[in-house]
Amino acid sequence: LAHFRTDDWECAQRREAWKEIAHRWVDYEPLSAVPLEAEMSILQDSACVTGSTRSSAYDMRTGPRWQHPEDMVVLTLIQSGELLQAAHPRMGAGAMGLCATREAGHYRWGHGTRQAFIALPYHDVRAALGSEPSTQVITPSRCALAPAWASQMNHMALLLRQSDQVDTTEYAGLLEATRALTLLMLRNLGRQGMDADLPDPNESLHAGRRAAALRFMELHAHRHDLDAATIAQSTGCSRSRLYEAFAAQGHTVMDTLREIRLQRALGLI
């Protein structure tokens, strides 16, 4: 487990230092004249790397020209902010995507965007999918396990910042569980159809927001002051977007919270 901040380097050294730490498999360029500001928490072993990052705006390019010998595939959950990429819908909070770094691509990360990610060796991802990995948006209609993965990544990102509450053995177990769930999701994605037509990208946003909100409500259901505004803030979206995400499934935010509390009370009884 390691934590990094660009404040640890002088302004003139930040770009190269951050490239070595956070962008080993791609090329990137900060967008503004303001010094790069970023932070990252990562957990890694010999099999994978998972983590959470937040950064000022930057451009990122992938492809053979910048390919790192490790040849990784990165799966990303946007927690807040947005990512723009050519030939794909804008990815906002709750969106999920797979980036095959050996493919040519151009991405623009918005200022303050936070993401949770896991990077796996190319051959592991190819074996799980049953085909060559390709850069794409992942939606629940194409992958039934995507919401479960999003919930796991949101919670994992939170735990990475709570090193005083989780010991080394527990982190090792969490990393292996996250890797296993990621491979399981990829197998499900490959089986459900890599070549299916992309659905409405809003469904991916709704599903990710619901998954993140449900996880937060499960963890904080005991709080008497818990309301829709607090839940929306934890999910990285506005109250109206949160309401839309639950309404898409015929539910409301507070009814869902009430049901969680009732089920917990029933279990105690």
Protein backbone atom coordinates (compact mmCIF):
# COMPACT_ATOMS: atom_id res chain seq x y z
CA LEU A 1 0.00 0.00 0.00
CA ALA A 2 1.37 3.41 -0.95
CA HIS A 3 0.12 7.00 -1.04
CA PHE A 4 1.46 9.74 -3.32
CA ARG A 5 0.85 13.47 -3.75
CA THR A 6 2.38 15.82 -6.31
CA ASP A 7 3.09 18.23 -3.44
CA ASP A 8 6.02 15.95 -2.62
CA TRP A 9 7.93 17.37 -5.62
CA GLU A 10 8.91 20.79 -6.84
CA CYS A 11 6.64 22.12 -9.61
CA ALA A 12 9.29 21.60 -12.30
CA GLN A 13 9.71 17.93 -11.34
CA ARG A 14 6.06 16.94 -10.97
CA ARG A 15 5.23 15.91 -14.53
CA GLU A 16 8.06 13.40 -14.92
CA ALA A 17 7.73 12.11 -11.38
CA TRP A 18 3.98 11.60 -11.75
CA LYS A 19 4.38 9.91 -15.13
CA GLU A 20 6.65 7.29 -13.56
CA ILE A 21 4.25 6.70 -10.67
CA ALA A 22 0.79 7.00 -12.22
CA HIS A 23 1.12 6.76 -16.02
CA ARG A 24 3.69 4.10 -16.78
CA TRP A 25 1.61 2.54 -19.59
CA VAL A 26 0.53 5.76 -21.37
CA ASP A 27 1.61 9.28 -22.25
CA TYR A 28 0.01 12.30 -20.62
CA GLU A 29 0.23 16.08 -20.59
CA PRO A 30 -1.28 18.50 -18.02
CA LEU A 31 -3.75 20.87 -19.69
CA SER A 32 -3.19 24.05 -17.79
CA ALA A 33 -0.29 26.34 -16.97
CA VAL A 34 -1.08 25.76 -13.31
CA PRO A 35 1.27 23.19 -11.72
CA LEU A 36 0.00 19.64 -11.80
CA GLU A 37 -1.94 18.71 -8.66
CA ALA A 38 -2.77 15.06 -8.06
CA GLU A 39 -3.00 12.35 -5.43
CA MET A 40 -3.09 8.58 -5.57
CA SER A 41 -3.44 5.61 -3.25
CA ILE A 42 -2.47 2.22 -4.67
CA LEU A 43 -2.38 -1.37 -3.48
CA GLN A 44 -0.40 -3.87 -5.52
CA ASP A 45 1.18 -7.29 -5.65
CA SER A 46 2.74 -9.32 -8.45
CA ALA A 47 -0.68 -10.05 -10.02
CA CYS A 48 -2.36 -6.64 -10.25
CA VAL A 49 -2.52 -3.00 -9.16
CA THR A 50 -5.63 -1.31 -7.80
CA GLY A 51 -6.07 2.21 -6.57
CA SER A 52 -7.80 5.56 -6.51
CA THR A 53 -6.59 8.79 -8.11
CA ARG A 54 -7.65 12.42 -8.34
CA SER A 55 -5.94 14.96 -10.58
CA SER A 56 -6.09 18.33 -12.22
CA ALA A 57 -7.06 18.21 -15.92
CA TYR A 58 -4.81 16.38 -18.38
CA ASP A 59 -4.63 14.71 -21.79
CA MET A 60 -3.74 11.02 -22.01
CA ARG A 61 -2.74 8.98 -25.05
CA THR A 62 -2.38 5.23 -25.42
CA GLY A 63 -0.96 3.04 -28.15
CA PRO A 64 2.13 1.12 -29.27
CA ARG A 65 4.26 4.26 -29.27
CA TRP A 66 4.03 4.53 -25.48
CA GLN A 67 3.47 0.87 -24.65
CA HIS A 68 5.18 -0.22 -21.45
CA PRO A 69 6.80 -3.69 -21.40
CA GLU A 70 4.31 -4.77 -18.70
CA ASP A 71 1.46 -4.48 -21.26
CA MET A 72 -1.47 -3.86 -18.91
CA VAL A 73 -5.22 -3.48 -19.34
CA VAL A 74 -6.89 -0.93 -17.05
CA LEU A 75 -10.49 -1.05 -15.85
CA THR A 76 -11.82 2.25 -14.54
CA LEU A 77 -14.78 3.45 -12.50
CA ILE A 78 -15.35 7.22 -12.65
CA GLN A 79 -16.24 8.30 -9.10
CA SER A 80 -16.61 12.02 -9.81
CA GLY A 81 -15.83 14.43 -12.65
CA GLU A 82 -15.70 13.27 -16.26
CA LEU A 83 -13.62 11.63 -18.96
CA LEU A 84 -13.91 12.51 -22.64
CA GLN A 85 -12.66 10.07 -25.27
CA ALA A 86 -12.94 9.90 -29.02
CA ALA A 87 -15.57 7.53 -30.47
CA HIS A 88 -17.15 6.89 -27.06
CA PRO A 89 -19.79 8.69 -24.96
CA ARG A 90 -18.69 11.12 -22.28
CA MET A 91 -18.06 9.14 -19.10
CA GLY A 92 -19.30 10.82 -15.93
CA ALA A 93 -19.67 9.68 -12.33
CA GLY A 94 -20.62 6.01 -12.15
CA ALA A 95 -19.40 5.13 -15.66
CA MET A 96 -17.19 2.09 -16.16
CA GLY A 97 -14.70 1.38 -18.91
CA LEU A 98 -11.95 -0.92 -20.11
CA CYS A 99 -8.80 0.57 -21.61
CA ALA A 100 -6.49 -1.67 -23.65
CA THR A 101 -3.35 0.46 -23.49
CA ARG A 102 -1.82 -1.14 -26.59
CA GLU A 103 -4.66 0.40 -28.67
CA ALA A 104 -4.30 3.95 -29.95
CA GLY A 105 -6.55 6.28 -27.98
CA HIS A 106 -6.90 9.90 -26.88
CA TYR A 107 -8.54 10.77 -23.55
CA ARG A 108 -9.16 14.05 -21.75
CA TRP A 109 -9.68 13.96 -17.99
CA GLY A 110 -11.65 16.82 -16.45
CA HIS A 111 -10.30 18.89 -13.59
CA GLY A 112 -10.68 17.17 -10.22
CA THR A 113 -11.87 13.88 -11.71
CA ARG A 114 -11.55 10.96 -9.31
CA GLN A 115 -11.35 7.37 -10.48
CA ALA A 116 -11.01 3.93 -8.94
CA PHE A 117 -9.08 1.51 -11.13
CA ILE A 118 -7.52 -1.91 -11.40
CA ALA A 119 -4.73 -2.81 -13.84
CA LEU A 120 -4.25 -6.43 -14.88
CA PRO A 121 -1.76 -8.12 -17.23
CA TYR A 122 -3.00 -8.31 -20.82
CA HIS A 123 -2.86 -12.12 -20.93
CA ASP A 124 -5.06 -12.44 -17.81
CA VAL A 125 -7.72 -10.17 -19.29
CA ARG A 126 -7.61 -11.95 -22.65
CA ALA A 127 -8.05 -15.33 -20.94
CA ALA A 128 -11.04 -14.08 -18.92
CA LEU A 129 -12.77 -12.45 -21.91
CA GLY A 130 -12.04 -15.30 -24.28
CA SER A 131 -10.96 -12.77 -26.91
CA GLU A 132 -8.56 -9.90 -27.46
CA PRO A 133 -9.30 -6.96 -25.09
CA SER A 134 -10.55 -3.79 -26.76
CA THR A 135 -11.20 -0.35 -25.30
CA GLN A 136 -14.89 0.01 -24.48
CA VAL A 137 -17.56 1.29 -22.11
CA ILE A 138 -18.92 -1.39 -19.75
CA THR A 139 -22.65 -1.26 -19.04
CA PRO A 140 -24.94 -3.50 -16.94
CA SER A 141 -26.94 -4.49 -20.01
CA ARG A 142 -23.78 -6.01 -21.48
CA CYS A 143 -22.41 -7.32 -18.20
CA ALA A 144 -24.69 -8.34 -15.33
CA LEU A 145 -21.81 -8.25 -12.83
CA ALA A 146 -20.78 -4.65 -13.61
CA PRO A 147 -22.79 -3.06 -10.73
CA ALA A 148 -21.27 -5.52 -8.23
CA TRP A 149 -17.80 -4.62 -9.50
CA ALA A 150 -18.56 -0.87 -9.26
CA SER A 151 -19.70 -1.29 -5.66
CA GLN A 152 -16.52 -3.22 -4.82
CA MET A 153 -14.28 -0.58 -6.44
CA ASN A 154 -16.01 2.29 -4.62
CA HIS A 155 -15.59 0.54 -1.30
CA MET A 156 -12.00 -0.49 -2.07
CA ALA A 157 -11.09 3.12 -2.88
CA LEU A 158 -12.52 4.20 0.48
CA LEU A 159 -10.59 1.50 2.37
CA LEU A 160 -7.30 2.49 0.73
CA ARG A 161 -7.56 5.79 2.61
CA GLN A 162 -8.23 4.04 5.94
CA SER A 163 -4.92 2.31 6.58
CA ASP A 164 -5.34 2.79 10.32
CA GLN A 165 -8.38 0.48 10.26
CA VAL A 166 -7.18 -2.30 7.91
CA ASP A 167 -4.04 -4.39 8.45
CA THR A 168 -1.68 -5.92 5.89
CA THR A 169 -3.32 -9.35 5.88
CA GLU A 170 -6.76 -7.82 5.36
CA TYR A 171 -5.49 -5.63 2.52
CA ALA A 172 -3.96 -8.70 0.84
CA GLY A 173 -7.31 -10.49 1.05
CA LEU A 174 -9.16 -7.44 -0.30
CA LEU A 175 -6.77 -7.15 -3.23
CA GLU A 176 -7.19 -10.81 -4.17
CA ALA A 177 -10.98 -10.54 -3.81
CA THR A 178 -11.04 -7.44 -6.04
CA ARG A 179 -8.88 -9.14 -8.65
CA ALA A 180 -11.08 -12.27 -8.57
CA LEU A 181 -14.29 -10.23 -8.94
CA THR A 182 -12.75 -8.26 -11.83
CA LEU A 183 -11.85 -11.45 -13.71
CA LEU A 184 -15.31 -12.83 -12.99
CA MET A 185 -16.89 -9.68 -14.42
CA LEU A 186 -14.68 -9.93 -17.51
CA ARG A 187 -15.72 -13.55 -18.06
CA ASN A 188 -19.35 -12.44 -17.76
CA LEU A 189 -18.73 -9.60 -20.22
CA GLY A 190 -17.14 -11.97 -22.71
CA ARG A 191 -19.99 -14.47 -22.38
CA GLN A 192 -22.78 -11.87 -22.69
CA GLY A 193 -21.36 -10.50 -25.92
CA MET A 194 -18.42 -8.22 -26.57
CA ASP A 195 -19.88 -7.26 -29.93
CA ALA A 196 -23.35 -6.28 -28.74
CA ASP A 197 -24.62 -2.84 -29.67
CA LEU A 198 -23.83 -0.25 -27.03
CA PRO A 199 -26.96 0.76 -25.10
CA ASP A 200 -27.84 4.17 -23.76
CA PRO A 201 -24.75 5.30 -21.78
CA ASN A 202 -27.09 6.81 -19.17
CA GLU A 203 -27.93 3.28 -17.99
CA SER A 204 -24.28 2.78 -17.04
CA LEU A 205 -24.28 6.06 -15.13
CA HIS A 206 -27.52 5.16 -13.33
CA ALA A 207 -26.27 1.70 -12.38
CA GLY A 208 -22.95 2.99 -11.07
CA ARG A 209 -24.63 5.72 -9.03
CA ARG A 210 -27.13 3.25 -7.58
CA ALA A 211 -24.37 0.81 -6.66
CA ALA A 212 -22.27 3.52 -4.99
CA ALA A 213 -25.30 4.94 -3.15
CA LEU A 214 -26.40 1.50 -1.92
CA ARG A 215 -22.94 0.76 -0.59
CA PHE A 216 -22.86 4.10 1.24
CA MET A 217 -26.34 3.58 2.69
CA GLU A 218 -25.42 0.09 3.88
CA LEU A 219 -22.37 1.48 5.68
CA HIS A 220 -24.14 4.50 7.20
CA ALA A 221 -27.73 3.35 7.69
CA HIS A 222 -27.31 3.84 11.47
CA ARG A 223 -26.90 7.62 11.06
CA HIS A 224 -30.07 9.47 12.01
CA ASP A 225 -29.01 12.49 9.92
CA LEU A 226 -28.52 10.54 6.69
CA ASP A 227 -30.43 12.22 3.85
CA ALA A 228 -30.50 12.33 0.06
CA ALA A 229 -28.08 15.28 -0.11
CA THR A 230 -25.44 13.41 1.93
CA ILE A 231 -25.89 10.25 -0.13
CA ALA A 232 -25.60 12.19 -3.39
CA GLN A 233 -22.42 13.93 -2.20
CA SER A 234 -20.84 10.57 -1.30
CA THR A 235 -21.73 9.25 -4.76
CA GLY A 236 -20.22 12.23 -6.57
CA CYS A 237 -23.42 13.51 -8.19
CA SER A 238 -26.29 15.93 -7.59
CA ARG A 239 -29.52 14.99 -5.81
CA SER A 240 -31.46 15.19 -9.08
CA ARG A 241 -29.06 12.72 -10.76
CA LEU A 242 -29.33 10.41 -7.77
CA TYR A 243 -33.13 10.56 -7.92
CA GLU A 244 -33.00 9.73 -11.65
CA ALA A 245 -30.76 6.71 -11.00
CA PHE A 246 -33.24 5.19 -8.53
CA ALA A 247 -36.32 6.23 -10.51
CA ALA A 248 -34.95 4.28 -13.50
CA GLN A 249 -35.59 1.15 -11.43
CA GLY A 250 -38.92 2.33 -10.03
CA HIS A 251 -37.57 3.20 -6.58
CA THR A 252 -36.85 6.29 -4.50
CA VAL A 253 -33.71 7.01 -2.50
CA MET A 254 -35.37 7.32 0.89
CA ASP A 255 -37.64 4.30 0.37
CA THR A 256 -34.52 2.27 -0.39
CA LEU A 257 -32.80 3.56 2.75
CA ARG A 258 -35.91 2.73 4.79
CA GLU A 259 -35.92 -0.82 3.41
CA ILE A 260 -32.23 -1.27 4.29
CA ARG A 261 -32.96 -0.17 7.86
CA LEU A 262 -35.99 -2.43 8.13
CA GLN A 263 -34.05 -5.44 6.88
CA ARG A 264 -31.26 -4.70 9.34
CA ALA A 265 -33.78 -4.41 12.20
CA LEU A 266 -35.41 -7.68 11.13
CA GLY A 267 -32.03 -9.39 11.23
CA LEU A 268 -31.37 -8.07 14.74
CA ILE A 269 -34.76 -9.27 15.93
